Structure formats: structure tokens, C-alpha cells
């Protein structure tokens, strides 16, 4: 199985969560970063789509279980760096009381994220933990 397919999307009460083991998050980030054209990637529980456009990062939910990112490559980098960052934090953490995660959301005055974006949380599983089920 491709590592990126070990990532999972869960949508609950309008909250979007993209989670997975560190290797899966890194593989998904690498795949998105290296793909200049629009792309859709199947993961557990849905699809992650990306399209390089002009403007700030827009995170949205399309047709059910599709998480879609668009924006200039310099803004899409926010997602790619977050995928790598939470993977790194999970691999190096000593304290395991809270899974490493990062919130991607717009705040007033933010020039890097679109005000139309929906909040997203990227979560890393612990490297030696069994894969969790999507809720």
C-alpha cells in the first residue's frame, strides 16, 4: 500500500481532520508538493484534491468526502509544511499525552489564507501506534 493511502479524512459536525502516521503524512505532502497540475489523491475516508491557482490558500470541502486545497504554490506550502511538521513532531516527541497536530484556519487580517477557508486540523498518529479508525 502507498504510504499516503494510510492517511485518513474525517468530517464530523463540519470539522475537517486529516490524520495519519508520520510516514503517511510525509508521503502525502511529498506527492502534493511535487504535483504542479490539479491532482486528486484517494486516502482512507475520502479524497484530497489540490489545484495551484492565484491567491491565498483556500481549504474547502467538496461533494461529501473531498478535502480540496487551492491557492498559489507559496500558499499551498502552508499545507505541505504542516504535513511534514506534525510528522516530525510525532516522531521526536517525548510527551505523548496529546497527539501532535496543527490547525489551518483563517483569522481576520490573515493574508496567507482565504477568509472562505474552512478550518482544518492535521493530526499525526504516534509512529508505533496502530492505525486509528475514521469516525
N, C-alpha and C. Protein backbone atom coordinates (compact mmCIF):
# COMPACT_ATOMS: atom_id res chain seq x y z
N UNK A 1 0.84 -1.18 0.00
CA UNK A 1 0.00 0.00 0.00
C UNK A 1 0.89 1.25 0.00
N UNK A 2 0.53 2.24 -0.79
CA UNK A 2 1.25 3.51 -0.79
C UNK A 2 1.06 4.17 0.57
N UNK A 3 2.14 4.74 1.10
CA UNK A 3 2.07 5.35 2.44
C UNK A 3 0.99 6.42 2.54
N UNK A 4 0.80 7.24 1.49
CA UNK A 4 -0.20 8.31 1.58
C UNK A 4 -1.62 7.76 1.76
N UNK A 5 -1.86 6.53 1.33
CA UNK A 5 -3.20 5.93 1.49
C UNK A 5 -3.49 5.58 2.95
N UNK A 6 -2.47 5.61 3.80
CA UNK A 6 -2.67 5.35 5.22
C UNK A 6 -3.19 6.59 5.95
N UNK A 7 -3.21 7.72 5.25
CA UNK A 7 -3.82 8.93 5.81
C UNK A 7 -5.33 8.76 5.76
N UNK A 8 -6.03 9.52 6.59
CA UNK A 8 -7.47 9.39 6.63
C UNK A 8 -8.12 10.76 6.82
N UNK A 9 -9.27 10.89 6.23
CA UNK A 9 -10.06 12.11 6.33
C UNK A 9 -11.29 11.82 7.16
N UNK A 10 -11.55 12.67 8.13
CA UNK A 10 -12.80 12.54 8.87
C UNK A 10 -13.48 13.90 8.91
N UNK A 11 -14.77 13.85 8.76
CA UNK A 11 -15.60 15.05 8.76
C UNK A 11 -16.71 14.81 9.77
N UNK A 12 -16.74 15.63 10.80
CA UNK A 12 -17.73 15.46 11.85
C UNK A 12 -18.23 16.83 12.28
N UNK A 13 -19.53 17.05 12.15
CA UNK A 13 -20.14 18.33 12.53
C UNK A 13 -19.42 19.52 11.88
N UNK A 14 -19.07 19.37 10.60
CA UNK A 14 -18.43 20.45 9.86
C UNK A 14 -16.95 20.62 10.16
N UNK A 15 -16.38 19.78 11.00
CA UNK A 15 -14.96 19.84 11.33
C UNK A 15 -14.20 18.87 10.43
N UNK A 16 -13.15 19.36 9.82
CA UNK A 16 -12.32 18.53 8.94
C UNK A 16 -11.04 18.15 9.65
N UNK A 17 -10.71 16.86 9.58
CA UNK A 17 -9.47 16.38 10.18
C UNK A 17 -8.76 15.48 9.17
N UNK A 18 -7.51 15.79 8.91
CA UNK A 18 -6.65 14.98 8.06
C UNK A 18 -5.60 14.38 8.97
N UNK A 19 -5.60 13.06 9.10
CA UNK A 19 -4.74 12.41 10.08
C UNK A 19 -4.03 11.23 9.44
N UNK A 20 -2.99 10.77 10.12
CA UNK A 20 -2.29 9.58 9.67
C UNK A 20 -0.97 9.41 10.36
N UNK A 21 -0.32 8.29 10.09
CA UNK A 21 1.00 8.05 10.66
C UNK A 21 2.01 9.00 10.02
N UNK A 22 3.11 9.28 10.70
CA UNK A 22 4.10 10.20 10.15
C UNK A 22 4.53 9.87 8.72
N UNK A 23 4.77 8.61 8.42
CA UNK A 23 5.20 8.25 7.06
C UNK A 23 4.11 8.56 6.04
N UNK A 24 2.85 8.37 6.41
CA UNK A 24 1.73 8.67 5.52
C UNK A 24 1.59 10.15 5.27
N UNK A 25 1.70 10.95 6.34
CA UNK A 25 1.60 12.41 6.18
C UNK A 25 2.73 12.95 5.31
N UNK A 26 3.94 12.43 5.55
CA UNK A 26 5.09 12.87 4.73
C UNK A 26 4.89 12.50 3.26
N UNK A 27 4.40 11.28 3.01
CA UNK A 27 4.19 10.83 1.63
C UNK A 27 3.13 11.68 0.94
N UNK A 28 2.05 12.00 1.65
CA UNK A 28 1.00 12.84 1.07
C UNK A 28 1.55 14.24 0.78
N UNK A 29 2.29 14.81 1.70
CA UNK A 29 2.88 16.12 1.49
C UNK A 29 3.83 16.14 0.30
N UNK A 30 4.64 15.10 0.19
CA UNK A 30 5.58 15.00 -0.93
C UNK A 30 4.84 14.89 -2.26
N UNK A 31 3.80 14.09 -2.30
CA UNK A 31 3.01 13.91 -3.52
C UNK A 31 2.36 15.23 -3.94
N UNK A 32 1.76 15.94 -3.00
CA UNK A 32 1.13 17.22 -3.31
C UNK A 32 2.16 18.26 -3.75
N UNK A 33 3.28 18.32 -3.07
CA UNK A 33 4.32 19.30 -3.37
C UNK A 33 4.90 19.08 -4.77
N UNK A 34 5.05 17.84 -5.18
CA UNK A 34 5.70 17.52 -6.45
C UNK A 34 4.74 17.56 -7.64
N UNK A 35 3.47 17.81 -7.39
CA UNK A 35 2.49 17.74 -8.47
C UNK A 35 2.03 19.14 -8.86
N UNK A 36 2.52 19.70 -9.97
CA UNK A 36 2.16 21.07 -10.35
C UNK A 36 0.75 21.22 -10.91
N UNK A 37 0.18 20.15 -11.44
CA UNK A 37 -1.15 20.20 -12.05
C UNK A 37 -2.20 19.82 -11.01
N UNK A 38 -3.48 20.09 -11.30
CA UNK A 38 -4.52 19.63 -10.37
C UNK A 38 -4.39 18.12 -10.14
N UNK A 39 -4.62 17.73 -8.89
CA UNK A 39 -4.47 16.33 -8.51
C UNK A 39 -5.55 15.96 -7.51
N UNK A 40 -5.98 14.71 -7.56
CA UNK A 40 -6.86 14.13 -6.55
C UNK A 40 -6.21 12.84 -6.07
N UNK A 41 -6.11 12.69 -4.76
CA UNK A 41 -5.45 11.55 -4.15
C UNK A 41 -6.43 10.84 -3.23
N UNK A 42 -6.65 9.56 -3.46
CA UNK A 42 -7.53 8.78 -2.59
C UNK A 42 -6.81 8.45 -1.30
N UNK A 43 -7.49 8.69 -0.19
CA UNK A 43 -7.00 8.29 1.13
C UNK A 43 -8.16 7.60 1.84
N UNK A 44 -7.91 7.05 3.00
CA UNK A 44 -8.95 6.40 3.76
C UNK A 44 -10.03 7.43 4.13
N UNK A 45 -11.25 7.15 3.81
CA UNK A 45 -12.35 8.03 4.17
C UNK A 45 -12.63 9.16 3.21
N UNK A 46 -11.88 9.25 2.10
CA UNK A 46 -12.16 10.34 1.16
C UNK A 46 -11.06 10.59 0.16
N UNK A 47 -11.01 11.83 -0.29
CA UNK A 47 -10.09 12.25 -1.34
C UNK A 47 -9.50 13.60 -0.94
N UNK A 48 -8.21 13.79 -1.24
CA UNK A 48 -7.57 15.09 -1.09
C UNK A 48 -7.28 15.61 -2.49
N UNK A 49 -7.78 16.80 -2.79
CA UNK A 49 -7.54 17.43 -4.08
C UNK A 49 -6.74 18.70 -3.90
N UNK A 50 -5.99 19.04 -4.92
CA UNK A 50 -5.19 20.25 -4.88
C UNK A 50 -5.11 20.87 -6.26
N UNK A 51 -5.15 22.19 -6.30
CA UNK A 51 -5.02 22.92 -7.55
C UNK A 51 -4.25 24.21 -7.28
N UNK A 52 -3.17 24.41 -8.03
CA UNK A 52 -2.40 25.66 -7.92
C UNK A 52 -3.14 26.74 -8.70
N UNK A 53 -3.48 27.82 -8.00
CA UNK A 53 -4.18 28.96 -8.59
C UNK A 53 -3.49 30.23 -8.09
N UNK A 54 -4.06 31.35 -8.36
CA UNK A 54 -3.56 32.60 -7.80
C UNK A 54 -4.26 32.85 -6.46
N UNK A 55 -3.62 33.56 -5.60
CA UNK A 55 -4.25 33.98 -4.36
C UNK A 55 -3.89 33.13 -3.17
N UNK A 56 -4.48 33.49 -2.02
CA UNK A 56 -4.16 32.80 -0.77
C UNK A 56 -4.73 31.39 -0.72
N UNK A 57 -4.30 30.65 0.29
CA UNK A 57 -4.75 29.27 0.49
C UNK A 57 -6.24 29.23 0.78
N UNK A 58 -6.94 28.37 0.04
CA UNK A 58 -8.35 28.12 0.28
C UNK A 58 -8.51 26.64 0.59
N UNK A 59 -9.03 26.34 1.77
CA UNK A 59 -9.31 24.98 2.20
C UNK A 59 -10.82 24.82 2.18
N UNK A 60 -11.31 23.83 1.44
CA UNK A 60 -12.76 23.64 1.39
C UNK A 60 -13.10 22.16 1.27
N UNK A 61 -14.37 21.88 1.53
CA UNK A 61 -14.90 20.53 1.40
C UNK A 61 -15.77 20.51 0.16
N UNK A 62 -15.48 19.59 -0.75
CA UNK A 62 -16.27 19.43 -1.97
C UNK A 62 -17.02 18.12 -1.90
N UNK A 63 -18.20 18.10 -2.42
CA UNK A 63 -19.02 16.91 -2.62
C UNK A 63 -18.74 15.78 -1.63
N UNK A 64 -19.14 15.99 -0.40
CA UNK A 64 -19.03 14.93 0.59
C UNK A 64 -17.65 14.82 1.19
N UNK A 65 -16.94 13.78 0.84
CA UNK A 65 -15.67 13.47 1.48
C UNK A 65 -14.46 13.86 0.63
N UNK A 66 -14.49 15.06 0.05
CA UNK A 66 -13.33 15.56 -0.69
C UNK A 66 -12.82 16.82 -0.01
N UNK A 67 -11.59 16.76 0.44
CA UNK A 67 -10.90 17.91 1.00
C UNK A 67 -10.11 18.53 -0.13
N UNK A 68 -10.30 19.83 -0.39
CA UNK A 68 -9.66 20.48 -1.53
C UNK A 68 -8.86 21.70 -1.09
N UNK A 69 -7.63 21.78 -1.62
CA UNK A 69 -6.76 22.93 -1.37
C UNK A 69 -6.54 23.64 -2.69
N UNK A 70 -6.55 24.97 -2.66
CA UNK A 70 -6.17 25.74 -3.83
C UNK A 70 -5.48 27.01 -3.35
N UNK A 71 -4.74 27.62 -4.27
CA UNK A 71 -4.02 28.85 -3.96
C UNK A 71 -2.68 28.84 -4.66
N UNK A 72 -1.97 29.93 -4.55
CA UNK A 72 -0.62 30.00 -5.11
C UNK A 72 0.29 28.98 -4.44
N UNK A 73 1.29 28.52 -5.14
CA UNK A 73 2.19 27.50 -4.59
C UNK A 73 2.83 27.96 -3.28
N UNK A 74 3.11 29.25 -3.17
CA UNK A 74 3.71 29.76 -1.93
C UNK A 74 2.72 29.65 -0.76
N UNK A 75 1.41 29.59 -1.05
CA UNK A 75 0.40 29.43 -0.01
C UNK A 75 0.06 27.96 0.22
N UNK A 76 0.10 27.16 -0.83
CA UNK A 76 -0.09 25.71 -0.66
C UNK A 76 1.01 25.13 0.22
N UNK A 77 2.14 25.80 0.24
CA UNK A 77 3.27 25.39 1.06
C UNK A 77 2.88 25.31 2.55
N UNK A 78 1.88 26.07 2.96
CA UNK A 78 1.38 26.02 4.34
C UNK A 78 0.93 24.59 4.66
N UNK A 79 0.21 23.97 3.74
CA UNK A 79 -0.28 22.60 3.93
C UNK A 79 0.88 21.62 3.91
N UNK A 80 1.74 21.74 2.90
CA UNK A 80 2.86 20.80 2.76
C UNK A 80 3.76 20.84 3.99
N UNK A 81 4.07 22.05 4.47
CA UNK A 81 4.91 22.18 5.65
C UNK A 81 4.22 21.63 6.90
N UNK A 82 2.90 21.82 7.00
CA UNK A 82 2.16 21.30 8.16
C UNK A 82 2.19 19.77 8.18
N UNK A 83 2.04 19.14 7.02
CA UNK A 83 2.09 17.68 6.96
C UNK A 83 3.45 17.17 7.42
N UNK A 84 4.52 17.78 6.94
CA UNK A 84 5.87 17.40 7.37
C UNK A 84 6.11 17.73 8.84
N UNK A 85 5.62 18.90 9.26
CA UNK A 85 5.87 19.36 10.62
C UNK A 85 5.24 18.50 11.69
N UNK A 86 3.98 18.13 11.52
CA UNK A 86 3.35 17.29 12.55
C UNK A 86 3.93 15.88 12.53
N UNK A 87 4.35 15.41 11.37
CA UNK A 87 5.03 14.10 11.30
C UNK A 87 6.32 14.15 12.11
N UNK A 88 7.10 15.19 11.90
CA UNK A 88 8.37 15.37 12.64
C UNK A 88 8.12 15.46 14.14
N UNK A 89 7.11 16.22 14.54
CA UNK A 89 6.82 16.37 15.96
C UNK A 89 6.42 15.04 16.60
N UNK A 90 5.65 14.24 15.89
CA UNK A 90 5.24 12.94 16.44
C UNK A 90 6.42 11.99 16.56
N UNK A 91 7.34 12.06 15.61
CA UNK A 91 8.50 11.17 15.64
C UNK A 91 9.49 11.53 16.73
N UNK A 92 9.51 12.79 17.14
CA UNK A 92 10.52 13.24 18.10
C UNK A 92 9.95 13.57 19.47
N UNK A 93 8.65 13.42 19.68
CA UNK A 93 8.02 13.81 20.95
C UNK A 93 8.38 12.87 22.08
N UNK A 94 8.64 13.45 23.23
CA UNK A 94 8.82 12.67 24.46
C UNK A 94 7.51 12.55 25.21
N UNK A 95 6.72 13.62 25.19
CA UNK A 95 5.43 13.67 25.88
C UNK A 95 4.35 13.21 24.91
N UNK A 96 3.66 12.15 25.26
CA UNK A 96 2.63 11.60 24.37
C UNK A 96 1.24 11.71 24.94
N UNK A 97 0.99 12.77 25.68
CA UNK A 97 -0.35 12.94 26.25
C UNK A 97 -1.33 13.49 25.22
N UNK A 98 -0.85 14.23 24.22
CA UNK A 98 -1.69 14.80 23.17
C UNK A 98 -1.04 14.54 21.82
N UNK A 99 -1.82 14.01 20.86
CA UNK A 99 -1.27 13.80 19.52
C UNK A 99 -0.82 15.13 18.93
N UNK A 100 0.28 15.12 18.22
CA UNK A 100 0.78 16.33 17.59
C UNK A 100 -0.16 16.72 16.46
N UNK A 101 -0.48 18.00 16.38
CA UNK A 101 -1.45 18.46 15.40
C UNK A 101 -1.19 19.92 15.07
N UNK A 102 -1.78 20.36 13.98
CA UNK A 102 -1.69 21.76 13.59
C UNK A 102 -3.03 22.19 13.01
N UNK A 103 -3.49 23.36 13.43
CA UNK A 103 -4.72 23.95 12.92
C UNK A 103 -4.40 24.84 11.73
N UNK A 104 -5.15 24.68 10.66
CA UNK A 104 -5.03 25.52 9.47
C UNK A 104 -6.36 26.26 9.36
N UNK A 105 -6.37 27.53 9.70
CA UNK A 105 -7.61 28.28 9.63
C UNK A 105 -7.34 29.77 9.46
N UNK A 106 -8.32 30.45 8.93
CA UNK A 106 -8.23 31.88 8.68
C UNK A 106 -8.53 32.67 9.96
N UNK A 107 -7.76 33.73 10.16
CA UNK A 107 -8.04 34.71 11.20
C UNK A 107 -8.10 36.08 10.54
N UNK A 108 -8.94 36.98 11.02
CA UNK A 108 -9.05 38.31 10.40
C UNK A 108 -7.68 38.97 10.22
N UNK A 109 -7.48 39.50 9.02
CA UNK A 109 -6.23 40.16 8.69
C UNK A 109 -5.17 39.23 8.10
N UNK A 110 -5.45 37.93 8.06
CA UNK A 110 -4.51 36.94 7.52
C UNK A 110 -4.44 37.09 6.00
N UNK A 111 -3.26 37.34 5.46
CA UNK A 111 -3.08 37.48 4.02
C UNK A 111 -2.70 36.17 3.35
N UNK A 112 -2.45 35.12 4.13
CA UNK A 112 -1.97 33.85 3.59
C UNK A 112 -3.08 32.83 3.38
N UNK A 113 -4.20 33.01 4.08
CA UNK A 113 -5.33 32.09 3.99
C UNK A 113 -6.57 32.87 3.58
N UNK A 114 -7.40 32.25 2.78
CA UNK A 114 -8.63 32.89 2.32
C UNK A 114 -9.67 32.93 3.45
N UNK A 115 -10.43 34.03 3.55
CA UNK A 115 -11.49 34.08 4.55
C UNK A 115 -12.61 33.06 4.28
N UNK A 116 -12.67 32.52 3.07
CA UNK A 116 -13.67 31.49 2.75
C UNK A 116 -13.22 30.09 3.16
N UNK A 117 -12.01 29.96 3.67
CA UNK A 117 -11.49 28.65 4.07
C UNK A 117 -12.26 28.08 5.26
N UNK A 118 -12.39 26.77 5.26
CA UNK A 118 -12.94 26.08 6.43
C UNK A 118 -11.78 25.61 7.30
N UNK A 119 -11.98 25.55 8.62
CA UNK A 119 -10.90 25.10 9.50
C UNK A 119 -10.55 23.63 9.24
N UNK A 120 -9.26 23.35 9.32
CA UNK A 120 -8.72 22.00 9.13
C UNK A 120 -7.73 21.73 10.25
N UNK A 121 -7.77 20.50 10.77
CA UNK A 121 -6.76 20.07 11.73
C UNK A 121 -6.01 18.90 11.10
N UNK A 122 -4.68 19.01 11.10
CA UNK A 122 -3.81 17.93 10.62
C UNK A 122 -3.23 17.27 11.86
N UNK A 123 -3.42 15.95 11.98
CA UNK A 123 -3.05 15.20 13.18
C UNK A 123 -2.12 14.05 12.82
N UNK A 124 -1.06 13.90 13.60
CA UNK A 124 -0.14 12.77 13.41
C UNK A 124 -0.40 11.71 14.47
N UNK A 125 -0.48 10.47 14.02
CA UNK A 125 -0.54 9.34 14.94
C UNK A 125 0.87 9.15 15.52
N UNK A 126 0.94 8.47 16.64
CA UNK A 126 2.26 8.11 17.16
C UNK A 126 2.86 7.06 16.24
N UNK A 127 4.16 7.13 15.95
CA UNK A 127 4.76 6.21 14.97
C UNK A 127 4.56 4.73 15.26
N UNK A 128 4.50 4.35 16.53
CA UNK A 128 4.38 2.93 16.87
C UNK A 128 2.97 2.53 17.28
N UNK A 129 2.00 3.41 17.07
CA UNK A 129 0.61 3.11 17.45
C UNK A 129 -0.13 2.47 16.29
N UNK A 130 -1.08 1.58 16.57
CA UNK A 130 -1.89 1.01 15.48
C UNK A 130 -2.73 2.12 14.83
N UNK A 131 -3.03 1.95 13.56
CA UNK A 131 -3.81 2.96 12.83
C UNK A 131 -5.21 3.05 13.41
N UNK A 132 -5.68 4.30 13.57
CA UNK A 132 -7.00 4.54 14.14
C UNK A 132 -8.04 4.49 13.05
N UNK A 133 -9.28 4.27 13.44
CA UNK A 133 -10.38 4.27 12.50
C UNK A 133 -10.92 5.67 12.37
N UNK A 134 -11.41 6.01 11.18
CA UNK A 134 -12.03 7.30 10.95
C UNK A 134 -13.40 7.29 11.60
N UNK A 135 -13.77 8.41 12.25
CA UNK A 135 -15.11 8.47 12.87
C UNK A 135 -16.09 9.14 11.98
